[in-house]
Amino acid sequence: MSWELERCRPVTLELPAEFLELCEADRVSPETVLRGFIADLCEIRNHGSEPREDGYQSNGSDERRLAREYYDRVGYPYMHD
């Protein structure tokens, strides 16, 4: 599989009922959860003096570390080998 780097790309996916139910129970939107994980994984920091227009914002240093540990542990960086 070949991926071209694009600056921004919309993705459409069906979310499982379990994820939607979890978000609903916690009163958080699925978009907020996914944007937060992506921001933590990519270490996106939204500084008050220079806010990002796309709304991505890391949730903190521990969250950034844990998101990266999850990503690495699953083996995503090595799936192309």
PDB file of N, CA and C in Angstrom:
ATOM      1  N   MET A   1       0.835  -1.164   0.000  1.00  0.00           N
ATOM      2  CA  MET A   1       0.000   0.000   0.000  1.00  0.00           C
ATOM      3  C   MET A   1       0.889   1.239   0.000  1.00  0.00           C
ATOM      4  N   SER A   2       0.602   2.162  -0.860  1.00  0.00           N
ATOM      5  CA  SER A   2       1.392   3.385  -0.958  1.00  0.00           C
ATOM      6  C   SER A   2       0.558   4.573  -0.493  1.00  0.00           C
ATOM      7  N   TRP A   3       1.141   5.358   0.375  1.00  0.00           N
ATOM      8  CA  TRP A   3       0.453   6.549   0.866  1.00  0.00           C
ATOM      9  C   TRP A   3       1.221   7.772   0.439  1.00  0.00           C
ATOM     10  N   GLU A   4       0.546   8.690  -0.204  1.00  0.00           N
ATOM     11  CA  GLU A   4       1.154   9.962  -0.534  1.00  0.00           C
ATOM     12  C   GLU A   4       0.882  10.927   0.605  1.00  0.00           C
ATOM     13  N   LEU A   5       1.886  11.713   0.936  1.00  0.00           N
ATOM     14  CA  LEU A   5       1.715  12.704   1.987  1.00  0.00           C
ATOM     15  C   LEU A   5       0.866  13.850   1.458  1.00  0.00           C
ATOM     16  N   GLU A   6      -0.231  14.094   2.114  1.00  0.00           N
ATOM     17  CA  GLU A   6      -1.099  15.214   1.782  1.00  0.00           C
ATOM     18  C   GLU A   6      -1.194  16.078   3.024  1.00  0.00           C
ATOM     19  N   ARG A   7      -1.306  17.333   2.847  1.00  0.00           N
ATOM     20  CA  ARG A   7      -1.357  18.234   3.996  1.00  0.00           C
ATOM     21  C   ARG A   7      -2.646  18.050   4.796  1.00  0.00           C
ATOM     22  N   CYS A   8      -3.730  17.765   4.136  1.00  0.00           N
ATOM     23  CA  CYS A   8      -4.995  17.549   4.818  1.00  0.00           C
ATOM     24  C   CYS A   8      -5.842  16.651   3.924  1.00  0.00           C
ATOM     25  N   ARG A   9      -6.420  15.623   4.517  1.00  0.00           N
ATOM     26  CA  ARG A   9      -7.202  14.683   3.716  1.00  0.00           C
ATOM     27  C   ARG A   9      -8.396  14.221   4.524  1.00  0.00           C
ATOM     28  N   PRO A  10      -9.594  14.417   4.006  1.00  0.00           N
ATOM     29  CA  PRO A  10     -10.764  13.911   4.719  1.00  0.00           C
ATOM     30  C   PRO A  10     -10.813  12.391   4.661  1.00  0.00           C
ATOM     31  N   VAL A  11     -11.273  11.799   5.745  1.00  0.00           N
ATOM     32  CA  VAL A  11     -11.404  10.347   5.834  1.00  0.00           C
ATOM     33  C   VAL A  11     -12.818  10.044   6.310  1.00  0.00           C
ATOM     34  N   THR A  12     -13.431   9.078   5.681  1.00  0.00           N
ATOM     35  CA  THR A  12     -14.762   8.653   6.091  1.00  0.00           C
ATOM     36  C   THR A  12     -14.675   7.217   6.569  1.00  0.00           C
ATOM     37  N   LEU A  13     -15.162   6.946   7.762  1.00  0.00           N
ATOM     38  CA  LEU A  13     -15.189   5.577   8.256  1.00  0.00           C
ATOM     39  C   LEU A  13     -16.401   5.378   9.135  1.00  0.00           C
ATOM     40  N   GLU A  14     -16.870   4.162   9.145  1.00  0.00           N
ATOM     41  CA  GLU A  14     -18.000   3.824   9.999  1.00  0.00           C
ATOM     42  C   GLU A  14     -17.469   3.499  11.388  1.00  0.00           C
ATOM     43  N   LEU A  15     -18.034   4.143  12.381  1.00  0.00           N
ATOM     44  CA  LEU A  15     -17.608   3.916  13.757  1.00  0.00           C
ATOM     45  C   LEU A  15     -18.493   2.845  14.378  1.00  0.00           C
ATOM     46  N   PRO A  16     -17.882   1.926  15.126  1.00  0.00           N
ATOM     47  CA  PRO A  16     -18.674   0.855  15.737  1.00  0.00           C
ATOM     48  C   PRO A  16     -19.576   1.387  16.844  1.00  0.00           C
ATOM     49  N   ALA A  17     -20.683   0.698  17.021  1.00  0.00           N
ATOM     50  CA  ALA A  17     -21.657   1.089  18.037  1.00  0.00           C
ATOM     51  C   ALA A  17     -21.011   1.182  19.417  1.00  0.00           C
ATOM     52  N   GLU A  18     -20.074   0.294  19.715  1.00  0.00           N
ATOM     53  CA  GLU A  18     -19.428   0.297  21.039  1.00  0.00           C
ATOM     54  C   GLU A  18     -18.706   1.618  21.297  1.00  0.00           C
ATOM     55  N   PHE A  19     -18.033   2.128  20.277  1.00  0.00           N
ATOM     56  CA  PHE A  19     -17.324   3.397  20.424  1.00  0.00           C
ATOM     57  C   PHE A  19     -18.319   4.546  20.583  1.00  0.00           C
ATOM     58  N   LEU A  20     -19.357   4.539  19.773  1.00  0.00           N
ATOM     59  CA  LEU A  20     -20.372   5.590  19.849  1.00  0.00           C
ATOM     60  C   LEU A  20     -21.086   5.564  21.199  1.00  0.00           C
ATOM     61  N   GLU A  21     -21.369   4.367  21.714  1.00  0.00           N
ATOM     62  CA  GLU A  21     -22.022   4.235  23.019  1.00  0.00           C
ATOM     63  C   GLU A  21     -21.115   4.730  24.137  1.00  0.00           C
ATOM     64  N   LEU A  22     -19.828   4.435  24.053  1.00  0.00           N
ATOM     65  CA  LEU A  22     -18.865   4.917  25.044  1.00  0.00           C
ATOM     66  C   LEU A  22     -18.825   6.439  25.046  1.00  0.00           C
ATOM     67  N   CYS A  23     -18.736   7.016  23.869  1.00  0.00           N
ATOM     68  CA  CYS A  23     -18.709   8.473  23.766  1.00  0.00           C
ATOM     69  C   CYS A  23     -19.998   9.083  24.310  1.00  0.00           C
ATOM     70  N   GLU A  24     -21.124   8.487  23.959  1.00  0.00           N
ATOM     71  CA  GLU A  24     -22.408   8.993  24.434  1.00  0.00           C
ATOM     72  C   GLU A  24     -22.497   8.899  25.957  1.00  0.00           C
ATOM     73  N   ALA A  25     -22.054   7.785  26.525  1.00  0.00           N
ATOM     74  CA  ALA A  25     -22.096   7.608  27.977  1.00  0.00           C
ATOM     75  C   ALA A  25     -21.223   8.645  28.686  1.00  0.00           C
ATOM     76  N   ASP A  26     -20.123   9.001  28.070  1.00  0.00           N
ATOM     77  CA  ASP A  26     -19.206   9.979  28.659  1.00  0.00           C
ATOM     78  C   ASP A  26     -19.513  11.412  28.222  1.00  0.00           C
ATOM     79  N   ARG A  27     -20.551  11.552  27.388  1.00  0.00           N
ATOM     80  CA  ARG A  27     -20.976  12.873  26.900  1.00  0.00           C
ATOM     81  C   ARG A  27     -19.857  13.624  26.196  1.00  0.00           C
ATOM     82  N   VAL A  28     -19.190  12.918  25.329  1.00  0.00           N
ATOM     83  CA  VAL A  28     -18.125  13.523  24.513  1.00  0.00           C
ATOM     84  C   VAL A  28     -18.361  13.097  23.067  1.00  0.00           C
ATOM     85  N   SER A  29     -18.089  13.973  22.138  1.00  0.00           N
ATOM     86  CA  SER A  29     -18.327  13.625  20.736  1.00  0.00           C
ATOM     87  C   SER A  29     -17.214  12.713  20.232  1.00  0.00           C
ATOM     88  N   PRO A  30     -17.540  11.802  19.323  1.00  0.00           N
ATOM     89  CA  PRO A  30     -16.508  10.951  18.730  1.00  0.00           C
ATOM     90  C   PRO A  30     -15.410  11.779  18.062  1.00  0.00           C
ATOM     91  N   GLU A  31     -15.784  12.903  17.466  1.00  0.00           N
ATOM     92  CA  GLU A  31     -14.794  13.773  16.823  1.00  0.00           C
ATOM     93  C   GLU A  31     -13.788  14.310  17.837  1.00  0.00           C
ATOM     94  N   THR A  32     -14.267  14.656  19.018  1.00  0.00           N
ATOM     95  CA  THR A  32     -13.372  15.169  20.059  1.00  0.00           C
ATOM     96  C   THR A  32     -12.372  14.105  20.484  1.00  0.00           C
ATOM     97  N   VAL A  33     -12.842  12.880  20.668  1.00  0.00           N
ATOM     98  CA  VAL A  33     -11.956  11.782  21.074  1.00  0.00           C
ATOM     99  C   VAL A  33     -10.910  11.514  19.992  1.00  0.00           C
ATOM    100  N   LEU A  34     -11.351  11.399  18.758  1.00  0.00           N
ATOM    101  CA  LEU A  34     -10.420  11.085  17.669  1.00  0.00           C
ATOM    102  C   LEU A  34      -9.443  12.227  17.410  1.00  0.00           C
ATOM    103  N   ARG A  35      -9.923  13.463  17.418  1.00  0.00           N
ATOM    104  CA  ARG A  35      -9.023  14.610  17.241  1.00  0.00           C
ATOM    105  C   ARG A  35      -8.003  14.680  18.387  1.00  0.00           C
ATOM    106  N   GLY A  36      -8.455  14.404  19.607  1.00  0.00           N
ATOM    107  CA  GLY A  36      -7.539  14.434  20.743  1.00  0.00           C
ATOM    108  C   GLY A  36      -6.459  13.379  20.639  1.00  0.00           C
ATOM    109  N   PHE A  37      -6.835  12.153  20.239  1.00  0.00           N
ATOM    110  CA  PHE A  37      -5.831  11.096  20.099  1.00  0.00           C
ATOM    111  C   PHE A  37      -4.843  11.435  18.983  1.00  0.00           C
ATOM    112  N   ILE A  38      -5.351  11.912  17.871  1.00  0.00           N
ATOM    113  CA  ILE A  38      -4.474  12.284  16.757  1.00  0.00           C
ATOM    114  C   ILE A  38      -3.522  13.394  17.182  1.00  0.00           C
ATOM    115  N   ALA A  39      -4.049  14.393  17.869  1.00  0.00           N
ATOM    116  CA  ALA A  39      -3.205  15.499  18.321  1.00  0.00           C
ATOM    117  C   ALA A  39      -2.134  15.013  19.296  1.00  0.00           C
ATOM    118  N   ASP A  40      -2.515  14.118  20.214  1.00  0.00           N
ATOM    119  CA  ASP A  40      -1.528  13.577  21.154  1.00  0.00           C
ATOM    120  C   ASP A  40      -0.473  12.763  20.422  1.00  0.00           C
ATOM    121  N   LEU A  41      -0.892  11.901  19.526  1.00  0.00           N
ATOM    122  CA  LEU A  41       0.040  11.054  18.786  1.00  0.00           C
ATOM    123  C   LEU A  41       1.024  11.890  17.974  1.00  0.00           C
ATOM    124  N   CYS A  42       0.532  12.939  17.351  1.00  0.00           N
ATOM    125  CA  CYS A  42       1.367  13.776  16.479  1.00  0.00           C
ATOM    126  C   CYS A  42       1.986  14.960  17.213  1.00  0.00           C
ATOM    127  N   GLU A  43       1.773  15.028  18.519  1.00  0.00           N
ATOM    128  CA  GLU A  43       2.315  16.094  19.364  1.00  0.00           C
ATOM    129  C   GLU A  43       1.916  17.481  18.870  1.00  0.00           C
ATOM    130  N   ILE A  44       0.645  17.609  18.522  1.00  0.00           N
ATOM    131  CA  ILE A  44       0.123  18.896  18.063  1.00  0.00           C
ATOM    132  C   ILE A  44      -0.234  19.730  19.277  1.00  0.00           C
ATOM    133  N   ARG A  45       0.423  20.840  19.400  1.00  0.00           N
ATOM    134  CA  ARG A  45       0.180  21.738  20.526  1.00  0.00           C
ATOM    135  C   ARG A  45      -0.421  23.020  19.987  1.00  0.00           C
ATOM    136  N   ASN A  46      -1.536  23.403  20.547  1.00  0.00           N
ATOM    137  CA  ASN A  46      -2.263  24.581  20.107  1.00  0.00           C
ATOM    138  C   ASN A  46      -2.023  25.681  21.126  1.00  0.00           C
ATOM    139  N   HIS A  47      -1.106  26.541  20.825  1.00  0.00           N
ATOM    140  CA  HIS A  47      -0.756  27.607  21.761  1.00  0.00           C
ATOM    141  C   HIS A  47      -1.787  28.726  21.698  1.00  0.00           C
ATOM    142  N   GLY A  48      -2.123  29.285  22.850  1.00  0.00           N
ATOM    143  CA  GLY A  48      -3.105  30.356  22.909  1.00  0.00           C
ATOM    144  C   GLY A  48      -2.753  31.541  22.036  1.00  0.00           C
ATOM    145  N   SER A  49      -1.467  31.799  21.892  1.00  0.00           N
ATOM    146  CA  SER A  49      -1.048  32.945  21.075  1.00  0.00           C
ATOM    147  C   SER A  49      -1.128  32.653  19.579  1.00  0.00           C
ATOM    148  N   GLU A  50      -1.136  31.370  19.220  1.00  0.00           N
ATOM    149  CA  GLU A  50      -1.215  30.971  17.816  1.00  0.00           C
ATOM    150  C   GLU A  50      -2.169  29.787  17.669  1.00  0.00           C
ATOM    151  N   PRO A  51      -3.469  30.004  17.884  1.00  0.00           N
ATOM    152  CA  PRO A  51      -4.418  28.876  17.831  1.00  0.00           C
ATOM    153  C   PRO A  51      -4.525  28.271  16.439  1.00  0.00           C
ATOM    154  N   ARG A  52      -4.702  26.981  16.391  1.00  0.00           N
ATOM    155  CA  ARG A  52      -4.881  26.278  15.128  1.00  0.00           C
ATOM    156  C   ARG A  52      -6.331  26.395  14.689  1.00  0.00           C
ATOM    157  N   GLU A  53      -6.528  26.577  13.423  1.00  0.00           N
ATOM    158  CA  GLU A  53      -7.882  26.697  12.885  1.00  0.00           C
ATOM    159  C   GLU A  53      -8.594  25.351  12.814  1.00  0.00           C
ATOM    160  N   ASP A  54      -7.824  24.248  12.758  1.00  0.00           N
ATOM    161  CA  ASP A  54      -8.442  22.927  12.587  1.00  0.00           C
ATOM    162  C   ASP A  54      -8.911  22.308  13.903  1.00  0.00           C
ATOM    163  N   GLY A  55      -8.619  22.940  15.032  1.00  0.00           N
ATOM    164  CA  GLY A  55      -9.116  22.470  16.312  1.00  0.00           C
ATOM    165  C   GLY A  55      -8.322  21.347  16.954  1.00  0.00           C
ATOM    166  N   TYR A  56      -7.219  20.921  16.374  1.00  0.00           N
ATOM    167  CA  TYR A  56      -6.421  19.864  16.981  1.00  0.00           C
ATOM    168  C   TYR A  56      -5.614  20.437  18.134  1.00  0.00           C
ATOM    169  N   GLN A  57      -5.620  19.712  19.261  1.00  0.00           N
ATOM    170  CA  GLN A  57      -4.936  20.168  20.471  1.00  0.00           C
ATOM    171  C   GLN A  57      -4.562  18.973  21.329  1.00  0.00           C
ATOM    172  N   SER A  58      -3.286  18.848  21.638  1.00  0.00           N
ATOM    173  CA  SER A  58      -2.824  17.785  22.526  1.00  0.00           C
ATOM    174  C   SER A  58      -3.444  17.971  23.904  1.00  0.00           C
ATOM    175  N   ASN A  59      -3.599  16.863  24.618  1.00  0.00           N
ATOM    176  CA  ASN A  59      -4.175  16.886  25.956  1.00  0.00           C
ATOM    177  C   ASN A  59      -3.129  16.899  27.060  1.00  0.00           C
ATOM    178  N   GLY A  60      -1.847  16.924  26.701  1.00  0.00           N
ATOM    179  CA  GLY A  60      -0.799  16.994  27.704  1.00  0.00           C
ATOM    180  C   GLY A  60       0.347  16.045  27.410  1.00  0.00           C
ATOM    181  N   SER A  61       1.434  16.204  28.151  1.00  0.00           N
ATOM    182  CA  SER A  61       2.645  15.426  27.886  1.00  0.00           C
ATOM    183  C   SER A  61       2.464  13.936  28.154  1.00  0.00           C
ATOM    184  N   ASP A  62       1.773  13.579  29.213  1.00  0.00           N
ATOM    185  CA  ASP A  62       1.544  12.154  29.487  1.00  0.00           C
ATOM    186  C   ASP A  62       0.701  11.528  28.385  1.00  0.00           C
ATOM    187  N   GLU A  63      -0.310  12.247  27.947  1.00  0.00           N
ATOM    188  CA  GLU A  63      -1.179  11.735  26.892  1.00  0.00           C
ATOM    189  C   GLU A  63      -0.403  11.565  25.583  1.00  0.00           C
ATOM    190  N   ARG A  64       0.491  12.499  25.278  1.00  0.00           N
ATOM    191  CA  ARG A  64       1.333  12.371  24.076  1.00  0.00           C
ATOM    192  C   ARG A  64       2.202  11.121  24.169  1.00  0.00           C
ATOM    193  N   ARG A  65       2.814  10.904  25.325  1.00  0.00           N
ATOM    194  CA  ARG A  65       3.685   9.743  25.513  1.00  0.00           C
ATOM    195  C   ARG A  65       2.879   8.448  25.391  1.00  0.00           C
ATOM    196  N   LEU A  66       1.733   8.389  26.046  1.00  0.00           N
ATOM    197  CA  LEU A  66       0.920   7.166  26.024  1.00  0.00           C
ATOM    198  C   LEU A  66       0.353   6.878  24.630  1.00  0.00           C
ATOM    199  N   ALA A  67      -0.038   7.903  23.908  1.00  0.00           N
ATOM    200  CA  ALA A  67      -0.539   7.699  22.540  1.00  0.00           C
ATOM    201  C   ALA A  67       0.566   7.109  21.669  1.00  0.00           C
ATOM    202  N   ARG A  68       1.781   7.626  21.816  1.00  0.00           N
ATOM    203  CA  ARG A  68       2.908   7.116  21.022  1.00  0.00           C
ATOM    204  C   ARG A  68       3.259   5.694  21.435  1.00  0.00           C
ATOM    205  N   GLU A  69       3.221   5.397  22.734  1.00  0.00           N
ATOM    206  CA  GLU A  69       3.500   4.039  23.202  1.00  0.00           C
ATOM    207  C   GLU A  69       2.484   3.059  22.620  1.00  0.00           C
ATOM    208  N   TYR A  70       1.216   3.436  22.607  1.00  0.00           N
ATOM    209  CA  TYR A  70       0.178   2.585  22.021  1.00  0.00           C
ATOM    210  C   TYR A  70       0.466   2.343  20.538  1.00  0.00           C
ATOM    211  N   TYR A  71       0.712   3.406  19.819  1.00  0.00           N
ATOM    212  CA  TYR A  71       0.967   3.333  18.376  1.00  0.00           C
ATOM    213  C   TYR A  71       2.152   2.408  18.078  1.00  0.00           C
ATOM    214  N   ASP A  72       3.232   2.592  18.821  1.00  0.00           N
ATOM    215  CA  ASP A  72       4.429   1.759  18.620  1.00  0.00           C
ATOM    216  C   ASP A  72       4.171   0.312  19.029  1.00  0.00           C
ATOM    217  N   ARG A  73       3.490   0.117  20.141  1.00  0.00           N
ATOM    218  CA  ARG A  73       3.235  -1.239  20.640  1.00  0.00           C
ATOM    219  C   ARG A  73       2.371  -2.052  19.672  1.00  0.00           C
ATOM    220  N   VAL A  74       1.390  -1.396  19.061  1.00  0.00           N
ATOM    221  CA  VAL A  74       0.567  -2.076  18.060  1.00  0.00           C
ATOM    222  C   VAL A  74       1.420  -2.481  16.857  1.00  0.00           C
ATOM    223  N   GLY A  75       2.451  -1.708  16.576  1.00  0.00           N
ATOM    224  CA  GLY A  75       3.364  -2.039  15.489  1.00  0.00           C
ATOM    225  C   GLY A  75       3.125  -1.278  14.194  1.00  0.00           C
ATOM    226  N   TYR A  76       2.368  -0.201  14.256  1.00  0.00           N
ATOM    227  CA  TYR A  76       2.089   0.566  13.044  1.00  0.00           C
ATOM    228  C   TYR A  76       3.359   1.003  12.293  1.00  0.00           C
ATOM    229  N   PRO A  77       4.412   1.441  12.979  1.00  0.00           N
ATOM    230  CA  PRO A  77       5.606   1.865  12.242  1.00  0.00           C
ATOM    231  C   PRO A  77       6.293   0.724  11.469  1.00  0.00           C
ATOM    232  N   TYR A  78       5.975  -0.507  11.822  1.00  0.00           N
ATOM    233  CA  TYR A  78       6.674  -1.656  11.220  1.00  0.00           C
ATOM    234  C   TYR A  78       5.820  -2.454  10.263  1.00  0.00           C
ATOM    235  N   MET A  79       4.594  -2.030  10.034  1.00  0.00           N
ATOM    236  CA  MET A  79       3.678  -2.792   9.181  1.00  0.00           C
ATOM    237  C   MET A  79       4.093  -2.810   7.710  1.00  0.00           C
ATOM    238  N   HIS A  80       4.910  -1.885   7.303  1.00  0.00           N
ATOM    239  CA  HIS A  80       5.325  -1.821   5.897  1.00  0.00           C
ATOM    240  C   HIS A  80       6.466  -2.791   5.582  1.00  0.00           C
ATOM    241  N   ASP A  81       7.086  -3.360   6.603  1.00  0.00           N
ATOM    242  CA  ASP A  81       8.228  -4.266   6.375  1.00  0.00           C
ATOM    243  C   ASP A  81       7.789  -5.616   5.864  1.00  0.00           C
TER     244      ASP A  81
END
